[in-house]
Amino acid sequence: AGDRGRSRGVLREILWLRLALASLGVAIGVSVNEPFVALLFGPGQFAGVGLTLAFGLQVIVTGQSFLVNCLWRATGRVREGSVLLAIEALLRVLGAYLGLVALGVVGAPIATALVAALTLVFAHRRLTQVLPDGDDVPVTGAMLWAPVVPMTLAAAATVLPIPATWPAVVTIVAVVGIVGASTLWWSWRGHAVWSLRREK
């Protein structure tokens, strides 16, 4: 009960941590998807970088939306959160259909990501409204751009001529994973140190 005043700051940290880990995982997947698919199914089976990025965006946004909804329902708004989940599911089906008609295969994940983004904003606003007032610790500067680093590496990997070999795939996974994870850890450590100094 004594830590209820920190709930807003803790919420920011939870959401950042999930966003950071999701960005790292998606970055690794995007960076090696083309050679990985070529190794397993043949080079002609790769659907394109655009579709890969669209699915990656969908994974990040929909997961973030679901997490916020779970946290909102954990505050006691079970009924409201469940209704929002049902509405989102229906809108995602409709959005996927409209996206397919308008843009082709790549339109489905883009449309569902947009729907998830809208429900994310709505659920986040509702969640912050029910949280008690307190010390709203902001996310520090390094934490804002840290998730961008692995995604930038993944974008660079998609334009490089990576050979479809297992050593190349393992190397790219290691580079993106180590550099991305190190950046996220460095930014998180800096934020933790800053928060401790701020509380003193």
C-alpha atoms as a PDB file:
ATOM      1  CA  ALA A   1       0.000   0.000   0.000  1.00  0.00           C
ATOM      2  CA  GLY A   2       2.880   2.334   0.753  1.00  0.00           C
ATOM      3  CA  ASP A   3       4.145   2.037  -2.810  1.00  0.00           C
ATOM      4  CA  ARG A   4       0.867   2.947  -4.519  1.00  0.00           C
ATOM      5  CA  GLY A   5       2.312   6.350  -5.295  1.00  0.00           C
ATOM      6  CA  ARG A   6       4.876   4.688  -7.556  1.00  0.00           C
ATOM      7  CA  SER A   7       2.275   2.886  -9.670  1.00  0.00           C
ATOM      8  CA  ARG A   8       2.524   5.275 -12.616  1.00  0.00           C
ATOM      9  CA  GLY A   9       6.288   5.018 -12.751  1.00  0.00           C
ATOM     10  CA  VAL A  10       6.144   1.232 -12.464  1.00  0.00           C
ATOM     11  CA  LEU A  11       3.589   1.137 -15.291  1.00  0.00           C
ATOM     12  CA  ARG A  12       5.939   3.064 -17.566  1.00  0.00           C
ATOM     13  CA  GLU A  13       8.779   0.687 -16.751  1.00  0.00           C
ATOM     14  CA  ILE A  14       6.662  -2.428 -17.386  1.00  0.00           C
ATOM     15  CA  LEU A  15       5.452  -1.123 -20.734  1.00  0.00           C
ATOM     16  CA  TRP A  16       8.964  -0.095 -21.752  1.00  0.00           C
ATOM     17  CA  LEU A  17      10.405  -3.478 -20.794  1.00  0.00           C
ATOM     18  CA  ARG A  18       7.849  -5.355 -22.883  1.00  0.00           C
ATOM     19  CA  LEU A  19       8.310  -2.952 -25.806  1.00  0.00           C
ATOM     20  CA  ALA A  20      12.090  -3.317 -25.625  1.00  0.00           C
ATOM     21  CA  LEU A  21      12.029  -7.122 -25.550  1.00  0.00           C
ATOM     22  CA  ALA A  22       9.435  -7.284 -28.325  1.00  0.00           C
ATOM     23  CA  SER A  23      11.493  -4.924 -30.476  1.00  0.00           C
ATOM     24  CA  LEU A  24      14.587  -7.055 -29.934  1.00  0.00           C
ATOM     25  CA  GLY A  25      12.785 -10.281 -30.814  1.00  0.00           C
ATOM     26  CA  VAL A  26      11.150  -8.791 -33.889  1.00  0.00           C
ATOM     27  CA  ALA A  27      14.441  -7.267 -34.997  1.00  0.00           C
ATOM     28  CA  ILE A  28      16.163 -10.647 -34.861  1.00  0.00           C
ATOM     29  CA  GLY A  29      13.336 -12.259 -36.801  1.00  0.00           C
ATOM     30  CA  VAL A  30      13.233  -9.545 -39.456  1.00  0.00           C
ATOM     31  CA  SER A  31      16.988  -9.505 -39.958  1.00  0.00           C
ATOM     32  CA  VAL A  32      17.255 -13.212 -40.821  1.00  0.00           C
ATOM     33  CA  ASN A  33      13.816 -13.993 -42.185  1.00  0.00           C
ATOM     34  CA  GLU A  34      14.801 -13.969 -45.855  1.00  0.00           C
ATOM     35  CA  PRO A  35      17.824 -16.306 -45.626  1.00  0.00           C
ATOM     36  CA  PHE A  36      16.006 -18.451 -43.040  1.00  0.00           C
ATOM     37  CA  VAL A  37      12.996 -18.965 -45.323  1.00  0.00           C
ATOM     38  CA  ALA A  38      15.323 -19.661 -48.250  1.00  0.00           C
ATOM     39  CA  LEU A  39      17.092 -22.361 -46.264  1.00  0.00           C
ATOM     40  CA  LEU A  40      13.909 -24.071 -45.135  1.00  0.00           C
ATOM     41  CA  PHE A  41      11.596 -23.681 -48.107  1.00  0.00           C
ATOM     42  CA  GLY A  42      13.631 -22.284 -50.995  1.00  0.00           C
ATOM     43  CA  PRO A  43      14.467 -18.726 -52.121  1.00  0.00           C
ATOM     44  CA  GLY A  44      11.282 -18.362 -54.145  1.00  0.00           C
ATOM     45  CA  GLN A  45       9.087 -18.713 -51.033  1.00  0.00           C
ATOM     46  CA  PHE A  46      10.103 -15.455 -49.354  1.00  0.00           C
ATOM     47  CA  ALA A  47       7.106 -13.086 -49.369  1.00  0.00           C
ATOM     48  CA  GLY A  48       9.121  -9.892 -49.183  1.00  0.00           C
ATOM     49  CA  VAL A  49      10.599  -7.469 -46.677  1.00  0.00           C
ATOM     50  CA  GLY A  50       7.420  -5.394 -46.579  1.00  0.00           C
ATOM     51  CA  LEU A  51       5.305  -8.278 -45.316  1.00  0.00           C
ATOM     52  CA  THR A  52       7.986  -9.224 -42.792  1.00  0.00           C
ATOM     53  CA  LEU A  53       8.092  -5.696 -41.396  1.00  0.00           C
ATOM     54  CA  ALA A  54       4.295  -5.513 -41.320  1.00  0.00           C
ATOM     55  CA  PHE A  55       4.060  -8.717 -39.284  1.00  0.00           C
ATOM     56  CA  GLY A  56       6.787  -7.433 -36.974  1.00  0.00           C
ATOM     57  CA  LEU A  57       4.851  -4.214 -36.406  1.00  0.00           C
ATOM     58  CA  GLN A  58       1.720  -6.223 -35.695  1.00  0.00           C
ATOM     59  CA  VAL A  59       3.513  -8.367 -33.101  1.00  0.00           C
ATOM     60  CA  ILE A  60       4.838  -5.311 -31.267  1.00  0.00           C
ATOM     61  CA  VAL A  61       1.617  -3.284 -31.246  1.00  0.00           C
ATOM     62  CA  THR A  62      -0.886  -6.068 -30.564  1.00  0.00           C
ATOM     63  CA  GLY A  63       1.213  -7.450 -27.727  1.00  0.00           C
ATOM     64  CA  GLN A  64       1.535  -4.006 -26.180  1.00  0.00           C
ATOM     65  CA  SER A  65      -2.212  -3.474 -26.462  1.00  0.00           C
ATOM     66  CA  PHE A  66      -2.974  -6.821 -24.817  1.00  0.00           C
ATOM     67  CA  LEU A  67      -0.576  -6.077 -21.951  1.00  0.00           C
ATOM     68  CA  VAL A  68      -2.180  -2.715 -21.249  1.00  0.00           C
ATOM     69  CA  ASN A  69      -5.616  -4.321 -21.332  1.00  0.00           C
ATOM     70  CA  CYS A  70      -4.487  -6.994 -18.864  1.00  0.00           C
ATOM     71  CA  LEU A  71      -3.137  -4.338 -16.500  1.00  0.00           C
ATOM     72  CA  TRP A  72      -6.343  -2.346 -16.838  1.00  0.00           C
ATOM     73  CA  ARG A  73      -8.455  -5.394 -15.962  1.00  0.00           C
ATOM     74  CA  ALA A  74      -6.128  -6.083 -13.030  1.00  0.00           C
ATOM     75  CA  THR A  75      -7.297  -2.795 -11.494  1.00  0.00           C
ATOM     76  CA  GLY A  76     -10.817  -4.237 -11.273  1.00  0.00           C
ATOM     77  CA  ARG A  77     -12.158  -3.182 -14.671  1.00  0.00           C
ATOM     78  CA  VAL A  78     -12.612  -6.810 -15.765  1.00  0.00           C
ATOM     79  CA  ARG A  79     -15.901  -6.283 -17.544  1.00  0.00           C
ATOM     80  CA  GLU A  80     -14.825  -3.175 -19.433  1.00  0.00           C
ATOM     81  CA  GLY A  81     -11.504  -4.693 -20.445  1.00  0.00           C
ATOM     82  CA  SER A  82     -13.126  -7.899 -21.638  1.00  0.00           C
ATOM     83  CA  VAL A  83     -15.632  -5.970 -23.737  1.00  0.00           C
ATOM     84  CA  LEU A  84     -12.769  -4.027 -25.303  1.00  0.00           C
ATOM     85  CA  LEU A  85     -10.972  -7.282 -26.110  1.00  0.00           C
ATOM     86  CA  ALA A  86     -14.069  -8.627 -27.859  1.00  0.00           C
ATOM     87  CA  ILE A  87     -14.526  -5.409 -29.836  1.00  0.00           C
ATOM     88  CA  GLU A  88     -10.861  -5.406 -30.812  1.00  0.00           C
ATOM     89  CA  ALA A  89     -11.081  -9.010 -32.024  1.00  0.00           C
ATOM     90  CA  LEU A  90     -14.050  -8.199 -34.256  1.00  0.00           C
ATOM     91  CA  LEU A  91     -12.392  -5.057 -35.607  1.00  0.00           C
ATOM     92  CA  ARG A  92      -9.180  -6.934 -36.307  1.00  0.00           C
ATOM     93  CA  VAL A  93     -11.045  -9.492 -38.424  1.00  0.00           C
ATOM     94  CA  LEU A  94     -12.806  -6.711 -40.307  1.00  0.00           C
ATOM     95  CA  GLY A  95      -9.570  -4.753 -40.641  1.00  0.00           C
ATOM     96  CA  ALA A  96      -7.682  -7.765 -41.953  1.00  0.00           C
ATOM     97  CA  TYR A  97     -10.327  -8.297 -44.626  1.00  0.00           C
ATOM     98  CA  LEU A  98     -10.348  -4.665 -45.679  1.00  0.00           C
ATOM     99  CA  GLY A  99      -6.543  -4.579 -45.639  1.00  0.00           C
ATOM    100  CA  LEU A 100      -6.391  -7.623 -47.913  1.00  0.00           C
ATOM    101  CA  VAL A 101      -8.813  -6.043 -50.344  1.00  0.00           C
ATOM    102  CA  ALA A 102      -7.045  -2.681 -50.369  1.00  0.00           C
ATOM    103  CA  LEU A 103      -3.355  -3.604 -50.205  1.00  0.00           C
ATOM    104  CA  GLY A 104      -3.110  -7.342 -50.704  1.00  0.00           C
ATOM    105  CA  VAL A 105      -1.478  -9.702 -48.236  1.00  0.00           C
ATOM    106  CA  VAL A 106       0.601  -6.969 -46.602  1.00  0.00           C
ATOM    107  CA  GLY A 107      -2.565  -5.039 -45.816  1.00  0.00           C
ATOM    108  CA  ALA A 108      -3.829  -7.589 -43.278  1.00  0.00           C
ATOM    109  CA  PRO A 109      -1.096  -7.159 -40.642  1.00  0.00           C
ATOM    110  CA  ILE A 110      -0.993  -3.399 -41.231  1.00  0.00           C
ATOM    111  CA  ALA A 111      -4.732  -3.073 -40.640  1.00  0.00           C
ATOM    112  CA  THR A 112      -4.716  -5.257 -37.527  1.00  0.00           C
ATOM    113  CA  ALA A 113      -1.771  -3.278 -36.153  1.00  0.00           C
ATOM    114  CA  LEU A 114      -3.733  -0.046 -36.646  1.00  0.00           C
ATOM    115  CA  VAL A 115      -6.730  -1.504 -34.803  1.00  0.00           C
ATOM    116  CA  ALA A 116      -4.478  -2.635 -31.961  1.00  0.00           C
ATOM    117  CA  ALA A 117      -2.888   0.820 -31.817  1.00  0.00           C
ATOM    118  CA  LEU A 118      -6.302   2.422 -31.352  1.00  0.00           C
ATOM    119  CA  THR A 119      -7.310   0.031 -28.577  1.00  0.00           C
ATOM    120  CA  LEU A 120      -3.866   0.485 -27.004  1.00  0.00           C
ATOM    121  CA  VAL A 121      -4.373   4.245 -26.757  1.00  0.00           C
ATOM    122  CA  PHE A 122      -7.902   3.810 -25.390  1.00  0.00           C
ATOM    123  CA  ALA A 123      -6.953   1.187 -22.785  1.00  0.00           C
ATOM    124  CA  HIS A 124      -3.867   3.139 -21.712  1.00  0.00           C
ATOM    125  CA  ARG A 125      -5.904   6.284 -21.103  1.00  0.00           C
ATOM    126  CA  ARG A 126      -8.452   4.310 -19.091  1.00  0.00           C
ATOM    127  CA  LEU A 127      -5.697   2.633 -17.093  1.00  0.00           C
ATOM    128  CA  THR A 128      -3.947   5.869 -16.180  1.00  0.00           C
ATOM    129  CA  GLN A 129      -7.275   7.353 -15.095  1.00  0.00           C
ATOM    130  CA  VAL A 130      -7.781   4.719 -12.404  1.00  0.00           C
ATOM    131  CA  LEU A 131      -4.217   4.762 -11.092  1.00  0.00           C
ATOM    132  CA  PRO A 132      -3.641   6.772  -7.922  1.00  0.00           C
ATOM    133  CA  ASP A 133      -1.824  10.069  -8.155  1.00  0.00           C
ATOM    134  CA  GLY A 134       1.804   9.859  -7.243  1.00  0.00           C
ATOM    135  CA  ASP A 135       5.373  10.214  -8.389  1.00  0.00           C
ATOM    136  CA  ASP A 136       5.138   9.722 -12.148  1.00  0.00           C
ATOM    137  CA  VAL A 137       8.734   8.784 -12.928  1.00  0.00           C
ATOM    138  CA  PRO A 138       9.365   9.538 -16.613  1.00  0.00           C
ATOM    139  CA  VAL A 139      11.194   7.279 -19.013  1.00  0.00           C
ATOM    140  CA  THR A 140      14.668   8.733 -19.449  1.00  0.00           C
ATOM    141  CA  GLY A 141      16.091   9.761 -22.799  1.00  0.00           C
ATOM    142  CA  ALA A 142      18.232   6.692 -23.459  1.00  0.00           C
ATOM    143  CA  MET A 143      15.251   4.419 -22.883  1.00  0.00           C
ATOM    144  CA  LEU A 144      13.253   6.236 -25.555  1.00  0.00           C
ATOM    145  CA  TRP A 145      15.660   5.473 -28.394  1.00  0.00           C
ATOM    146  CA  ALA A 146      17.170   2.206 -27.129  1.00  0.00           C
ATOM    147  CA  PRO A 147      14.470  -0.044 -28.740  1.00  0.00           C
ATOM    148  CA  VAL A 148      15.181   1.691 -32.041  1.00  0.00           C
ATOM    149  CA  VAL A 149      18.740   0.321 -32.145  1.00  0.00           C
ATOM    150  CA  PRO A 150      17.895  -3.363 -32.809  1.00  0.00           C
ATOM    151  CA  MET A 151      15.219  -2.322 -35.319  1.00  0.00           C
ATOM    152  CA  THR A 152      17.782  -0.161 -37.137  1.00  0.00           C
ATOM    153  CA  LEU A 153      20.162  -3.110 -37.294  1.00  0.00           C
ATOM    154  CA  ALA A 154      17.349  -5.273 -38.661  1.00  0.00           C
ATOM    155  CA  ALA A 155      16.520  -2.699 -41.329  1.00  0.00           C
ATOM    156  CA  ALA A 156      20.177  -2.615 -42.359  1.00  0.00           C
ATOM    157  CA  ALA A 157      20.283  -6.413 -42.508  1.00  0.00           C
ATOM    158  CA  THR A 158      17.323  -6.519 -44.903  1.00  0.00           C
ATOM    159  CA  VAL A 159      19.238  -4.505 -47.526  1.00  0.00           C
ATOM    160  CA  LEU A 160      22.499  -6.407 -47.174  1.00  0.00           C
ATOM    161  CA  PRO A 161      23.189  -9.399 -49.440  1.00  0.00           C
ATOM    162  CA  ILE A 162      23.160 -12.015 -46.672  1.00  0.00           C
ATOM    163  CA  PRO A 163      23.886 -15.477 -48.076  1.00  0.00           C
ATOM    164  CA  ALA A 164      21.366 -18.206 -47.344  1.00  0.00           C
ATOM    165  CA  THR A 165      23.659 -20.271 -45.133  1.00  0.00           C
ATOM    166  CA  TRP A 166      23.312 -21.341 -41.530  1.00  0.00           C
ATOM    167  CA  PRO A 167      26.599 -19.693 -40.439  1.00  0.00           C
ATOM    168  CA  ALA A 168      25.362 -16.392 -41.893  1.00  0.00           C
ATOM    169  CA  VAL A 169      22.007 -16.715 -40.119  1.00  0.00           C
ATOM    170  CA  VAL A 170      23.651 -17.526 -36.788  1.00  0.00           C
ATOM    171  CA  THR A 171      26.082 -14.628 -37.197  1.00  0.00           C
ATOM    172  CA  ILE A 172      23.329 -12.097 -37.901  1.00  0.00           C
ATOM    173  CA  VAL A 173      21.250 -13.379 -34.993  1.00  0.00           C
ATOM    174  CA  ALA A 174      24.257 -13.068 -32.694  1.00  0.00           C
ATOM    175  CA  VAL A 175      25.173  -9.561 -33.845  1.00  0.00           C
ATOM    176  CA  VAL A 176      21.645  -8.141 -33.687  1.00  0.00           C
ATOM    177  CA  GLY A 177      20.908  -9.971 -30.440  1.00  0.00           C
ATOM    178  CA  ILE A 178      24.083  -8.991 -28.603  1.00  0.00           C
ATOM    179  CA  VAL A 179      24.174  -5.363 -29.762  1.00  0.00           C
ATOM    180  CA  GLY A 180      20.442  -4.891 -29.242  1.00  0.00           C
ATOM    181  CA  ALA A 181      20.377  -6.570 -25.823  1.00  0.00           C
ATOM    182  CA  SER A 182      23.465  -4.647 -24.691  1.00  0.00           C
ATOM    183  CA  THR A 183      21.873  -1.354 -25.693  1.00  0.00           C
ATOM    184  CA  LEU A 184      18.645  -2.180 -23.882  1.00  0.00           C
ATOM    185  CA  TRP A 185      20.508  -3.287 -20.771  1.00  0.00           C
ATOM    186  CA  TRP A 186      22.671  -0.153 -20.784  1.00  0.00           C
ATOM    187  CA  SER A 187      19.642   2.127 -21.067  1.00  0.00           C
ATOM    188  CA  TRP A 188      17.737   0.209 -18.368  1.00  0.00           C
ATOM    189  CA  ARG A 189      20.716   0.298 -16.004  1.00  0.00           C
ATOM    190  CA  GLY A 190      21.072   4.027 -16.561  1.00  0.00           C
ATOM    191  CA  HIS A 191      17.407   4.545 -15.800  1.00  0.00           C
ATOM    192  CA  ALA A 192      17.638   2.454 -12.625  1.00  0.00           C
ATOM    193  CA  VAL A 193      20.633   4.449 -11.376  1.00  0.00           C
ATOM    194  CA  TRP A 194      18.878   7.729 -12.212  1.00  0.00           C
ATOM    195  CA  SER A 195      15.729   6.613 -10.359  1.00  0.00           C
ATOM    196  CA  LEU A 196      17.708   5.670  -7.244  1.00  0.00           C
ATOM    197  CA  ARG A 197      19.467   9.034  -7.207  1.00  0.00           C
ATOM    198  CA  ARG A 198      16.129  10.782  -7.695  1.00  0.00           C
ATOM    199  CA  GLU A 199      14.612   9.048  -4.663  1.00  0.00           C
ATOM    200  CA  LYS A 200      17.466  10.079  -2.351  1.00  0.00           C
END
